[in-house]
Structures are given as C-alpha cells and as structure tokens.
Amino acid sequence: MRPHASVMHLDLDAFYASVEQRDKPSLRGKPVVVGGISGRGVVSTASYEARTFGVRSAMSTREARALCGHAAFLYPRFPAYKKVSEQVFGILRDLSPLVEPLSLDEAFVDLAAADLPDLEVGTVTETAARIRAEVAEITGGLTASVGLASSKFIAKIASDLDKPDGLVVVAPGTELDLLRPMNVKVIPGVGPATTERLRRAGIHTVADLEQVSVEELVRLVGKSHGTNLYKLARAQDDRRVEPEREAKSVSVEGTYDTDLTDRPLMEQILTRQASEVAARLKKNGLSGRTITIKVRLYDFTTINRSATLPAPTDQASTIARLARTLLGELFTAGETAGGVRLLGVGVSGLADWIQEDLFGEDADEDTEPELPLPEPSRRPTWAAGMDVVHAEMGRGWVWGSGRGVVTVRFETAETPAGPVRSYAADDPDLQPYSEP
C-alpha cells in the first residue's frame, strides 16, 4: 500500500441508463432498464429508479419485467455511451498520464503522477471533487462516484460506499477498520461458490477471514485464490495503475431463442464460434494457450470449462476440437440437462507467436454432416431506444415496434418531453439516425 490516498477509482453511476435518461427527457426520474430486452435477454444496467423494485444487472429481462413491468426497456446504444466515455476519459488523462480503463464507465487514476502540490487527504479530496464537477458539466449532468485510497482494492470499495454521486476517502492507516466489518463478498473473486465454502468454515466477514492462516485458505479454495484472499483480507495490494491494458482474451458467444439440448448441434455451434475466434486472433496477430467454453443453462447457472495447450495456437480446428471435448465432458457429467440458453468459446493466455501445426490439424478437417444452425438472438430492425429521424417531425427514439408498426417519441436531450407518433415500419420518411 502507498503512504497516501493517491489511487482514485471513478465509476459513472448507472451509466447506460443515465445516458438514456439524459437523452430522453420523458424518462427522467423514471425506471429504465438497458440490455437485451427480449424474453431471453439479460439486464446490462438499471436506473436507480428501477433498482428500488429489485432490478439489477445480470438479471434476466423476464424477471426484471416481472419486478418492474412499467419500466422503459431499451436496447443499448453503444455509440452514445462511447462518446460520453471518451469525454470523461479525456478529463482523467488531462489530470494524470496514468489512467487505467476498466470499462467504458470505470477507471483507476494514479494521482501520484498528477501535477498536484502534495498528496495529503485535503488535496486529493479537493481534486476528486473538481473532477466530478467537470464530468457532470461535460456530460450534461451525469454523476460519478469516486473512491480515494492507498490501493486499487480499497479505492474501488470506497467508490461503491456512497452511490450515487458520492465521494469517499479512506485515509491511510484506516483500511482495516473499513474492511473488517464487511462481508467477505466485498473481496474481488469471492463469488457464490467461494462464499459458500467460506461460510461452511465459519467465515462470514473480512475480520473472520483475517484470522485464518494462508495454509487453511489454500486448503479451502486453492493456492492462487487462497493466497490472494489472505493478502486482501489484510488490505495488502500493491498493484500499479496500468494505463495500457492489453486484451486478456478473445471470445464469441450467443444467446439462443430456444434452449439447446442436441449435442451434435451444440458441437457445430462451437465449431463455428471457434472459427470466428481464430479469425479475430489472426487479424490481431495473436494466439492463445487456454481454450474456454461458457455454458449458461436454462436456469441462468453459468458453467465455464477450460483446457490449456502446451503452446499457443490460432488454428480454428484446434480451438474447436478442445471446445467440443470440454462440451462432451459436461454432457457426460449430466450438467447440461434441462437445456442451454447461451454458448460461447474463448481463448486466453494470449501471445504474439504460435507453435506451427500443433496437432497436424490442417491434414484432415472434421467430416461430420452439417446441421442447420440456429442464429443467436438479434435485436429488431427498429429496436426500442434507437435514435431515429423523421422528415417532418425531426429527431426522436423508438418507443416500440411490431406487426409492421414503429412508435416513436420525438425528443432529444435539448428538448422537453415530446409527442408520440406511430408509422409503418417501411415508411421512407423514418430513418435511423447517427451522430455526424
């Protein structure tokens, strides 16, 4: 840990939903859910108004509708989010050359590399407050929650303590006072499975965890995870803020309208996905050693299985062969019973070199008969939330569509809540809109 609270973690509050509320005046102060809005979709972000009804990220859209059926359910508009993200990251990079992006709406900033007179608590607090004000001004009112601490681990926890629009500073020397009463789930990597293992051992809080030896933690959750838990329970985190984060994996996945149960069909889907992954690896001059399949079951249980090669590969047939083997193991264990709603393949352990002809895979490709493959769920042509422009009415957004009709609300971030009109889906006066 550092001697000063010079690590800042900034997190834009309910980012996707907040951008939608900014750009759609009629949705301000109302519940908004952004994500895949079909029956088999998943929530990406929920506004705070929707969260009061229990809606949360990673929940199925079907469950979100049951909890908050009166919310506006919108597909994501990534170009709009990326534009806002670039504005915010511009502010952060003007402050310090060491900015580590975690996602479009989240980053670490090393204030020790900023041009500040000192790193005392008062100075860094004033700096963070100024940055939050600049973010609100440049983004048209979006709020950001900020944590300041002596490490990345504590700064990230701090930014979550007073959401939304909060600023929390953890003074050096007080980290353990903050951590000890907290549930062990506050530690990165402690998911449901690890939480249950720790619970069975009588470990519920970070204070409980702090009393456990590293040997016992290794026995409970494995060497790497156990060692990491031992350190973080003592607030030991010396990770640097890294401005250049290289891609750690390349993956392709799809969610399907009907649960998949047929093994040959799923194997061919994996084969197709492996080809897409391999193409992306080759395009970027990369290869990888670890092949992973991701399987999400009908009940939203997610299973990941991996296999590691002796040397990196970018060959589609090698990736596909291992992916199919991993799937076969799941079938043998009966873990796919009930059906699969999402299937994906990824390659990690990336390198910029390959071992040629690792398995001689080019000699003979798979010869199983091809089956007609289902396509992953796609968003409709007129997706709820998308920007449109009408020859007479001007700019607006899609309220909903179906049965050859598109309903549009005509408003923008700069106008009051606007009128609603419906048009034929093939009306030539209605067109998608994108920022020039």
Protein backbone atom coordinates (compact mmCIF):
# COMPACT_ATOMS: atom_id res chain seq x y z
CA MET A 1 0.00 0.00 0.00
CA ARG A 2 1.01 3.60 -0.51
CA PRO A 3 1.61 6.18 2.20
CA HIS A 4 -1.04 8.44 0.64
CA ALA A 5 -4.60 8.06 -0.67
CA SER A 6 -3.33 8.67 -4.19
CA VAL A 7 -5.30 5.99 -6.09
CA MET A 8 -8.63 7.23 -7.42
CA HIS A 9 -11.38 4.96 -8.69
CA LEU A 10 -14.11 6.71 -10.69
CA ASP A 11 -17.34 4.94 -11.62
CA LEU A 12 -20.11 6.60 -13.64
CA ASP A 13 -23.43 5.92 -11.91
CA ALA A 14 -25.88 3.56 -13.69
CA PHE A 15 -24.05 4.62 -16.83
CA TYR A 16 -26.10 3.25 -19.74
CA ALA A 17 -29.39 4.08 -18.07
CA SER A 18 -28.19 7.56 -17.09
CA VAL A 19 -27.23 8.36 -20.69
CA GLU A 20 -30.68 7.21 -21.81
CA GLN A 21 -32.38 9.43 -19.23
CA ARG A 22 -30.24 12.37 -20.26
CA ASP A 23 -31.07 11.94 -23.95
CA LYS A 24 -34.75 11.06 -23.43
CA PRO A 25 -36.41 13.75 -21.24
CA SER A 26 -39.62 11.74 -20.83
CA LEU A 27 -37.62 9.04 -18.98
CA ARG A 28 -36.00 11.29 -16.38
CA GLY A 29 -36.89 10.20 -12.88
CA LYS A 30 -38.49 7.01 -14.17
CA PRO A 31 -37.30 3.38 -14.11
CA VAL A 32 -35.14 2.48 -17.11
CA VAL A 33 -33.66 -0.93 -17.94
CA VAL A 34 -30.98 -1.30 -20.63
CA GLY A 35 -29.93 -4.63 -22.09
CA GLY A 36 -31.27 -7.46 -24.20
CA ILE A 37 -34.97 -6.77 -23.88
CA SER A 38 -36.36 -9.94 -25.44
CA GLY A 39 -37.68 -12.65 -23.15
CA ARG A 40 -34.26 -14.32 -23.09
CA GLY A 41 -32.25 -11.13 -22.70
CA VAL A 42 -30.16 -10.03 -19.74
CA VAL A 43 -30.12 -6.66 -17.96
CA SER A 44 -26.93 -4.65 -18.57
CA THR A 45 -27.81 -1.62 -16.43
CA ALA A 46 -30.83 -0.47 -14.44
CA SER A 47 -31.51 3.10 -13.36
CA TYR A 48 -31.72 3.76 -9.64
CA GLU A 49 -35.48 4.16 -10.00
CA ALA A 50 -35.64 0.59 -11.36
CA ARG A 51 -33.31 -0.72 -8.67
CA THR A 52 -35.81 0.24 -5.97
CA PHE A 53 -38.03 -2.52 -7.42
CA GLY A 54 -35.22 -5.09 -7.18
CA VAL A 55 -33.98 -4.92 -10.78
CA ARG A 56 -30.22 -5.43 -11.05
CA SER A 57 -27.51 -6.08 -13.62
CA ALA A 58 -27.16 -9.64 -14.98
CA MET A 59 -30.78 -10.44 -14.12
CA SER A 60 -32.92 -11.96 -16.85
CA THR A 61 -35.13 -9.48 -18.64
CA ARG A 62 -38.10 -11.71 -17.93
CA GLU A 63 -37.50 -11.41 -14.20
CA ALA A 64 -36.91 -7.66 -14.50
CA ARG A 65 -40.25 -7.24 -16.26
CA ALA A 66 -41.97 -9.19 -13.50
CA LEU A 67 -40.45 -6.89 -10.88
CA CYS A 68 -40.88 -3.59 -12.72
CA GLY A 69 -43.17 -4.02 -15.71
CA HIS A 70 -43.74 -0.26 -16.04
CA ALA A 71 -40.03 0.45 -16.69
CA ALA A 72 -38.74 1.55 -20.09
CA PHE A 73 -36.86 -1.44 -21.53
CA LEU A 74 -34.28 -0.28 -24.08
CA TYR A 75 -31.57 -1.85 -26.20
CA PRO A 76 -28.07 -0.38 -25.65
CA ARG A 77 -26.80 2.50 -27.82
CA PHE A 78 -23.07 1.88 -27.67
CA PRO A 79 -22.01 4.78 -29.94
CA ALA A 80 -23.66 7.20 -27.49
CA TYR A 81 -22.02 5.54 -24.49
CA LYS A 82 -18.62 5.51 -26.17
CA LYS A 83 -18.84 9.23 -26.94
CA VAL A 84 -19.57 10.06 -23.30
CA SER A 85 -16.83 7.68 -22.15
CA GLU A 86 -14.28 9.44 -24.36
CA GLN A 87 -15.27 12.80 -22.87
CA VAL A 88 -14.80 11.52 -19.33
CA PHE A 89 -11.51 9.76 -20.04
CA GLY A 90 -10.24 12.96 -21.65
CA ILE A 91 -10.75 14.74 -18.32
CA LEU A 92 -8.97 11.95 -16.44
CA ARG A 93 -6.00 11.90 -18.82
CA ASP A 94 -5.65 15.67 -18.55
CA LEU A 95 -5.28 15.12 -14.80
CA SER A 96 -2.79 12.23 -14.88
CA PRO A 97 -0.94 10.25 -17.55
CA LEU A 98 -1.66 7.06 -15.58
CA VAL A 99 -5.30 6.17 -16.23
CA GLU A 100 -6.32 2.52 -16.26
CA PRO A 101 -9.66 1.90 -18.01
CA LEU A 102 -11.70 -0.97 -16.62
CA SER A 103 -14.72 -0.44 -18.88
CA LEU A 104 -16.50 2.40 -20.67
CA ASP A 105 -17.65 3.83 -17.34
CA GLU A 106 -14.94 2.96 -14.87
CA ALA A 107 -11.23 3.69 -14.36
CA PHE A 108 -8.37 3.95 -11.90
CA VAL A 109 -6.29 7.14 -11.85
CA ASP A 110 -2.85 7.48 -10.26
CA LEU A 111 -2.80 10.89 -8.57
CA ALA A 112 0.86 10.44 -7.68
CA ALA A 113 1.57 11.08 -11.37
CA ALA A 114 -0.68 14.17 -11.47
CA ASP A 115 0.69 17.68 -11.12
CA LEU A 116 -0.58 18.23 -7.58
CA PRO A 117 1.17 20.31 -4.89
CA ASP A 118 1.01 17.36 -2.48
CA LEU A 119 -0.90 14.14 -1.83
CA GLU A 120 -2.43 14.99 1.52
CA VAL A 121 -6.04 13.97 2.12
CA GLY A 122 -7.34 17.51 1.68
CA THR A 123 -5.59 17.99 -1.66
CA VAL A 124 -6.69 14.71 -3.23
CA THR A 125 -10.25 15.19 -1.93
CA GLU A 126 -10.45 18.65 -3.49
CA THR A 127 -9.05 17.26 -6.75
CA ALA A 128 -11.64 14.45 -6.85
CA ALA A 129 -14.46 16.91 -6.18
CA ARG A 130 -13.26 19.09 -9.05
CA ILE A 131 -13.10 16.10 -11.41
CA ARG A 132 -16.65 15.07 -10.52
CA ALA A 133 -17.88 18.59 -11.27
CA GLU A 134 -16.08 18.59 -14.63
CA VAL A 135 -17.59 15.22 -15.51
CA ALA A 136 -21.10 16.47 -14.72
CA GLU A 137 -20.53 19.59 -16.83
CA ILE A 138 -19.08 17.92 -19.93
CA THR A 139 -21.59 15.03 -19.95
CA GLY A 140 -24.71 17.10 -19.47
CA GLY A 141 -25.37 16.17 -15.86
CA LEU A 142 -24.14 12.60 -15.44
CA THR A 143 -22.84 11.79 -11.98
CA ALA A 144 -19.79 9.83 -10.93
CA SER A 145 -18.94 8.13 -7.66
CA VAL A 146 -15.31 8.32 -6.59
CA GLY A 147 -13.18 6.43 -4.09
CA LEU A 148 -9.74 7.57 -2.93
CA ALA A 149 -7.40 5.23 -1.10
CA SER A 150 -3.88 3.90 -0.80
CA SER A 151 -4.55 0.94 -3.14
CA LYS A 152 -6.74 -0.09 -6.06
CA PHE A 153 -8.59 -2.63 -3.94
CA ILE A 154 -9.65 -0.13 -1.27
CA ALA A 155 -10.33 2.69 -3.76
CA LYS A 156 -12.77 0.51 -5.68
CA ILE A 157 -14.59 -0.47 -2.49
CA ALA A 158 -14.72 3.19 -1.43
CA SER A 159 -16.33 4.34 -4.68
CA ASP A 160 -19.23 1.97 -4.03
CA LEU A 161 -19.94 3.10 -0.47
CA ASP A 162 -21.90 6.29 -1.19
CA LYS A 163 -23.52 5.73 -4.58
CA PRO A 164 -24.82 7.53 -6.50
CA ASP A 165 -22.86 10.78 -6.78
CA GLY A 166 -20.61 10.01 -3.81
CA LEU A 167 -17.04 10.77 -2.79
CA VAL A 168 -15.39 8.59 -0.14
CA VAL A 169 -11.79 8.96 1.03
CA VAL A 170 -10.13 6.17 3.01
CA ALA A 171 -7.24 7.75 4.87
CA PRO A 172 -4.02 5.72 5.02
CA GLY A 173 -3.94 3.59 8.13
CA THR A 174 -7.72 3.15 8.32
CA GLU A 175 -8.10 0.46 5.65
CA LEU A 176 -8.59 -2.46 8.02
CA ASP A 177 -11.10 -0.51 10.12
CA LEU A 178 -13.16 -0.19 6.94
CA LEU A 179 -12.73 -3.79 5.78
CA ARG A 180 -13.17 -5.85 8.93
CA PRO A 181 -16.96 -5.47 9.40
CA MET A 182 -17.66 -6.12 5.71
CA ASN A 183 -18.94 -9.37 4.24
CA VAL A 184 -16.28 -11.46 2.51
CA LYS A 185 -18.13 -10.91 -0.78
CA VAL A 186 -16.60 -7.44 -0.93
CA ILE A 187 -13.30 -9.07 -1.95
CA PRO A 188 -12.83 -9.48 -5.73
CA GLY A 189 -13.21 -13.07 -6.86
CA VAL A 190 -15.40 -14.12 -3.93
CA GLY A 191 -18.49 -15.30 -5.77
CA PRO A 192 -21.31 -17.60 -4.65
CA ALA A 193 -19.19 -20.78 -4.66
CA THR A 194 -16.33 -19.30 -2.63
CA THR A 195 -18.77 -17.57 -0.28
CA GLU A 196 -20.44 -20.90 0.44
CA ARG A 197 -17.11 -22.65 1.10
CA LEU A 198 -16.08 -19.89 3.48
CA ARG A 199 -19.49 -19.93 5.19
CA ARG A 200 -19.17 -23.63 5.88
CA ALA A 201 -15.84 -22.87 7.53
CA GLY A 202 -17.49 -20.22 9.71
CA ILE A 203 -16.01 -17.30 7.75
CA HIS A 204 -18.53 -14.53 7.09
CA THR A 205 -16.73 -11.19 7.42
CA VAL A 206 -13.32 -9.90 6.43
CA ALA A 207 -12.48 -9.89 10.14
CA ASP A 208 -13.20 -13.64 10.22
CA LEU A 209 -11.06 -14.12 7.12
CA GLU A 210 -8.18 -12.20 8.66
CA GLN A 211 -7.94 -14.80 11.42
CA VAL A 212 -7.43 -17.71 9.02
CA SER A 213 -3.95 -18.88 8.05
CA VAL A 214 -2.82 -18.88 4.46
CA GLU A 215 -2.43 -22.67 4.64
CA GLU A 216 -6.07 -23.12 5.63
CA LEU A 217 -7.28 -20.76 2.90
CA VAL A 218 -5.25 -22.64 0.31
CA ARG A 219 -6.86 -25.86 1.51
CA LEU A 220 -10.33 -24.31 1.26
CA VAL A 221 -10.18 -22.53 -2.11
CA GLY A 222 -6.89 -23.43 -3.79
CA LYS A 223 -3.39 -21.97 -3.85
CA SER A 224 -3.82 -18.90 -6.06
CA HIS A 225 -7.21 -17.85 -4.74
CA GLY A 226 -6.33 -18.66 -1.13
CA THR A 227 -3.10 -16.66 -1.24
CA ASN A 228 -4.90 -13.70 -2.76
CA LEU A 229 -7.66 -13.81 -0.12
CA TYR A 230 -5.05 -13.90 2.64
CA LYS A 231 -3.42 -10.72 1.31
CA LEU A 232 -6.59 -8.76 0.59
CA ALA A 233 -8.08 -9.59 3.99
CA ARG A 234 -5.11 -7.63 5.35
CA ALA A 235 -5.57 -4.82 2.78
CA GLN A 236 -2.32 -5.81 1.08
CA ASP A 237 -2.50 -4.66 -2.54
CA ASP A 238 0.48 -3.17 -4.35
CA ARG A 239 -0.88 -3.37 -7.90
CA ARG A 240 0.10 -0.41 -10.06
CA VAL A 241 -2.25 1.70 -12.14
CA GLU A 242 -1.55 0.44 -15.66
CA PRO A 243 -2.55 2.83 -18.46
CA GLU A 244 -2.27 0.21 -21.21
CA ARG A 245 -4.39 -2.85 -20.56
CA GLU A 246 -3.85 -5.49 -23.22
CA ALA A 247 -6.68 -7.77 -24.21
CA LYS A 248 -6.64 -10.83 -21.97
CA SER A 249 -8.91 -12.98 -24.12
CA VAL A 250 -10.79 -13.24 -27.40
CA SER A 251 -14.25 -14.81 -27.29
CA VAL A 252 -17.53 -15.27 -29.14
CA GLU A 253 -20.84 -16.23 -27.57
CA GLY A 254 -24.51 -16.31 -28.47
CA THR A 255 -27.82 -16.45 -26.64
CA TYR A 256 -30.46 -18.58 -28.38
CA ASP A 257 -34.22 -18.19 -28.58
CA THR A 258 -34.78 -21.88 -27.82
CA ASP A 259 -32.80 -23.88 -25.28
CA LEU A 260 -30.21 -26.11 -26.92
CA THR A 261 -30.26 -29.79 -25.97
CA ASP A 262 -28.81 -31.59 -29.00
CA ARG A 263 -25.11 -32.35 -28.61
CA PRO A 264 -24.17 -32.52 -32.33
CA LEU A 265 -25.91 -29.20 -32.90
CA MET A 266 -24.07 -27.59 -30.00
CA GLU A 267 -20.77 -29.01 -31.23
CA GLN A 268 -21.30 -27.41 -34.62
CA ILE A 269 -22.15 -24.09 -32.99
CA LEU A 270 -18.88 -24.30 -31.05
CA THR A 271 -17.05 -25.12 -34.28
CA ARG A 272 -18.48 -22.03 -35.96
CA GLN A 273 -17.64 -19.87 -32.97
CA ALA A 274 -14.11 -21.27 -32.88
CA SER A 275 -13.66 -20.16 -36.50
CA GLU A 276 -14.75 -16.62 -35.57
CA VAL A 277 -12.37 -16.55 -32.61
CA ALA A 278 -9.49 -17.82 -34.74
CA ALA A 279 -10.18 -15.18 -37.38
CA ARG A 280 -10.03 -12.43 -34.77
CA LEU A 281 -6.81 -13.84 -33.32
CA LYS A 282 -5.15 -13.91 -36.74
CA LYS A 283 -6.39 -10.42 -37.58
CA ASN A 284 -4.64 -9.07 -34.48
CA GLY A 285 -1.54 -11.25 -34.76
CA LEU A 286 -2.36 -13.15 -31.59
CA SER A 287 -2.59 -16.73 -30.39
CA GLY A 288 -3.57 -18.33 -27.12
CA ARG A 289 -2.98 -21.39 -24.96
CA THR A 290 -6.17 -21.66 -22.90
CA ILE A 291 -9.46 -22.62 -24.56
CA THR A 292 -12.62 -21.96 -22.54
CA ILE A 293 -16.25 -22.74 -23.20
CA LYS A 294 -19.02 -20.80 -21.50
CA VAL A 295 -22.35 -22.52 -21.00
CA ARG A 296 -25.34 -20.78 -19.45
CA LEU A 297 -28.14 -23.15 -18.57
CA TYR A 298 -31.89 -22.63 -18.76
CA ASP A 299 -31.93 -21.52 -15.09
CA PHE A 300 -29.12 -18.96 -15.62
CA THR A 301 -26.47 -21.13 -13.97
CA THR A 302 -23.22 -20.39 -15.80
CA ILE A 303 -20.54 -23.04 -16.26
CA ASN A 304 -17.02 -22.38 -17.56
CA ARG A 305 -14.64 -25.17 -18.53
CA SER A 306 -11.07 -24.69 -19.75
CA ALA A 307 -8.18 -26.65 -21.20
CA THR A 308 -4.62 -25.40 -21.68
CA LEU A 309 -2.37 -26.29 -24.61
CA PRO A 310 1.42 -26.75 -24.33
CA ALA A 311 1.91 -23.87 -26.79
CA PRO A 312 -0.26 -21.05 -28.22
CA THR A 313 -2.45 -21.59 -31.28
CA ASP A 314 -4.58 -19.52 -33.63
CA GLN A 315 -5.98 -22.53 -35.51
CA ALA A 316 -9.77 -22.84 -35.67
CA SER A 317 -9.71 -26.63 -35.76
CA THR A 318 -7.56 -26.88 -32.64
CA ILE A 319 -9.77 -24.45 -30.75
CA ALA A 320 -12.90 -26.25 -31.94
CA ARG A 321 -11.57 -29.69 -31.08
CA LEU A 322 -10.82 -28.72 -27.50
CA ALA A 323 -14.12 -26.84 -27.16
CA ARG A 324 -16.06 -29.90 -28.28
CA THR A 325 -14.10 -32.07 -25.86
CA LEU A 326 -14.98 -29.75 -22.98
CA LEU A 327 -18.64 -29.79 -24.01
CA GLY A 328 -18.56 -33.59 -24.13
CA GLU A 329 -17.32 -33.66 -20.54
CA LEU A 330 -20.31 -31.56 -19.47
CA PHE A 331 -22.69 -33.90 -21.28
CA THR A 332 -21.05 -36.93 -19.71
CA ALA A 333 -21.44 -35.37 -16.27
CA GLY A 334 -25.10 -34.56 -16.99
CA GLU A 335 -24.52 -30.84 -16.38
CA THR A 336 -26.39 -29.70 -19.49
CA ALA A 337 -29.67 -31.37 -18.54
CA GLY A 338 -32.58 -29.00 -18.98
CA GLY A 339 -31.10 -27.10 -21.90
CA VAL A 340 -28.54 -24.43 -22.72
CA ARG A 341 -29.54 -20.83 -23.43
CA LEU A 342 -26.06 -19.38 -24.08
CA LEU A 343 -22.98 -20.99 -25.60
CA GLY A 344 -19.57 -19.46 -26.20
CA VAL A 345 -15.88 -20.09 -26.89
CA GLY A 346 -12.91 -18.04 -25.75
CA VAL A 347 -9.14 -18.12 -25.98
CA SER A 348 -6.89 -16.60 -23.30
CA GLY A 349 -3.25 -16.75 -22.30
CA LEU A 350 -2.58 -14.60 -25.36
CA ALA A 351 0.79 -14.36 -27.10
CA ASP A 352 2.12 -12.90 -30.34
CA TRP A 353 3.58 -16.19 -31.60
CA ILE A 354 2.27 -19.67 -32.45
CA GLN A 355 3.52 -23.24 -32.48
CA GLU A 356 3.11 -24.34 -36.07
CA ASP A 357 0.98 -27.38 -36.89
CA LEU A 358 0.47 -28.26 -33.24
CA PHE A 359 -1.80 -31.21 -33.91
CA GLY A 360 -1.43 -31.52 -37.68
CA GLU A 361 -4.98 -30.18 -37.84
CA ASP A 362 -4.77 -28.97 -41.40
CA ALA A 363 -4.41 -32.51 -42.73
CA ASP A 364 -7.99 -33.54 -42.17
CA GLU A 365 -10.85 -31.32 -41.10
CA ASP A 366 -13.97 -32.59 -39.38
CA THR A 367 -16.25 -34.57 -41.64
CA GLU A 368 -19.45 -34.76 -39.58
CA PRO A 369 -22.55 -33.86 -41.62
CA GLU A 370 -23.52 -30.22 -41.18
CA LEU A 371 -26.73 -29.41 -39.37
CA PRO A 372 -28.79 -26.23 -39.82
CA LEU A 373 -27.53 -23.99 -37.02
CA PRO A 374 -29.77 -21.64 -35.05
CA GLU A 375 -28.79 -17.99 -35.13
CA PRO A 376 -28.21 -16.12 -31.87
CA SER A 377 -30.94 -13.73 -30.82
CA ARG A 378 -30.78 -10.47 -32.77
CA ARG A 379 -32.19 -7.08 -31.98
CA PRO A 380 -35.10 -5.99 -34.21
CA THR A 381 -34.62 -3.55 -37.09
CA TRP A 382 -36.44 -0.87 -35.11
CA ALA A 383 -35.02 -1.55 -31.66
CA ALA A 384 -36.55 0.10 -28.62
CA GLY A 385 -34.41 3.10 -27.68
CA MET A 386 -32.61 3.53 -31.01
CA ASP A 387 -32.21 7.03 -32.46
CA VAL A 388 -34.32 7.89 -35.49
CA VAL A 389 -35.15 10.95 -37.57
CA HIS A 390 -38.40 11.74 -39.40
CA ALA A 391 -38.57 14.01 -42.42
CA GLU A 392 -41.27 16.17 -40.81
CA MET A 393 -41.03 15.58 -37.06
CA GLY A 394 -37.24 15.58 -36.72
CA ARG A 395 -35.24 13.51 -34.26
CA GLY A 396 -36.63 11.03 -31.77
CA TRP A 397 -36.27 7.49 -30.49
CA VAL A 398 -38.10 4.22 -30.96
CA TRP A 399 -40.67 3.67 -28.24
CA GLY A 400 -41.59 0.23 -29.57
CA SER A 401 -42.23 -1.74 -32.73
CA GLY A 402 -44.07 -4.80 -34.00
CA ARG A 403 -46.56 -6.04 -36.60
CA GLY A 404 -45.25 -3.60 -39.17
CA VAL A 405 -45.63 -0.52 -36.97
CA VAL A 406 -42.98 1.68 -35.33
CA THR A 407 -43.90 4.02 -32.47
CA VAL A 408 -41.58 6.99 -31.93
CA ARG A 409 -41.28 9.65 -29.24
CA PHE A 410 -39.86 12.85 -30.70
CA GLU A 411 -37.48 14.44 -28.22
CA THR A 412 -33.77 14.91 -27.59
CA ALA A 413 -31.57 15.86 -24.64
CA GLU A 414 -32.08 19.54 -25.54
CA THR A 415 -35.91 19.49 -25.79
CA PRO A 416 -38.79 18.97 -23.40
CA ALA A 417 -40.58 15.61 -23.35
CA GLY A 418 -42.01 15.24 -26.83
CA PRO A 419 -45.00 13.81 -28.66
CA VAL A 420 -45.51 10.16 -29.63
CA ARG A 421 -46.37 9.11 -33.17
CA SER A 422 -46.72 5.74 -34.96
CA TYR A 423 -45.64 4.92 -38.52
CA ALA A 424 -45.48 1.98 -40.89
CA ALA A 425 -42.19 0.15 -40.45
CA ASP A 426 -41.34 0.78 -44.10
CA ASP A 427 -42.24 4.49 -44.07
CA PRO A 428 -39.50 6.15 -46.17
CA ASP A 429 -39.76 9.35 -44.07
CA LEU A 430 -38.50 7.47 -40.99
CA GLN A 431 -34.80 6.59 -40.90
CA PRO A 432 -32.20 5.51 -38.30
CA TYR A 433 -30.16 8.44 -37.04
CA SER A 434 -26.49 8.54 -36.13
CA GLU A 435 -24.40 11.44 -34.91
CA PRO A 436 -22.43 13.14 -37.72
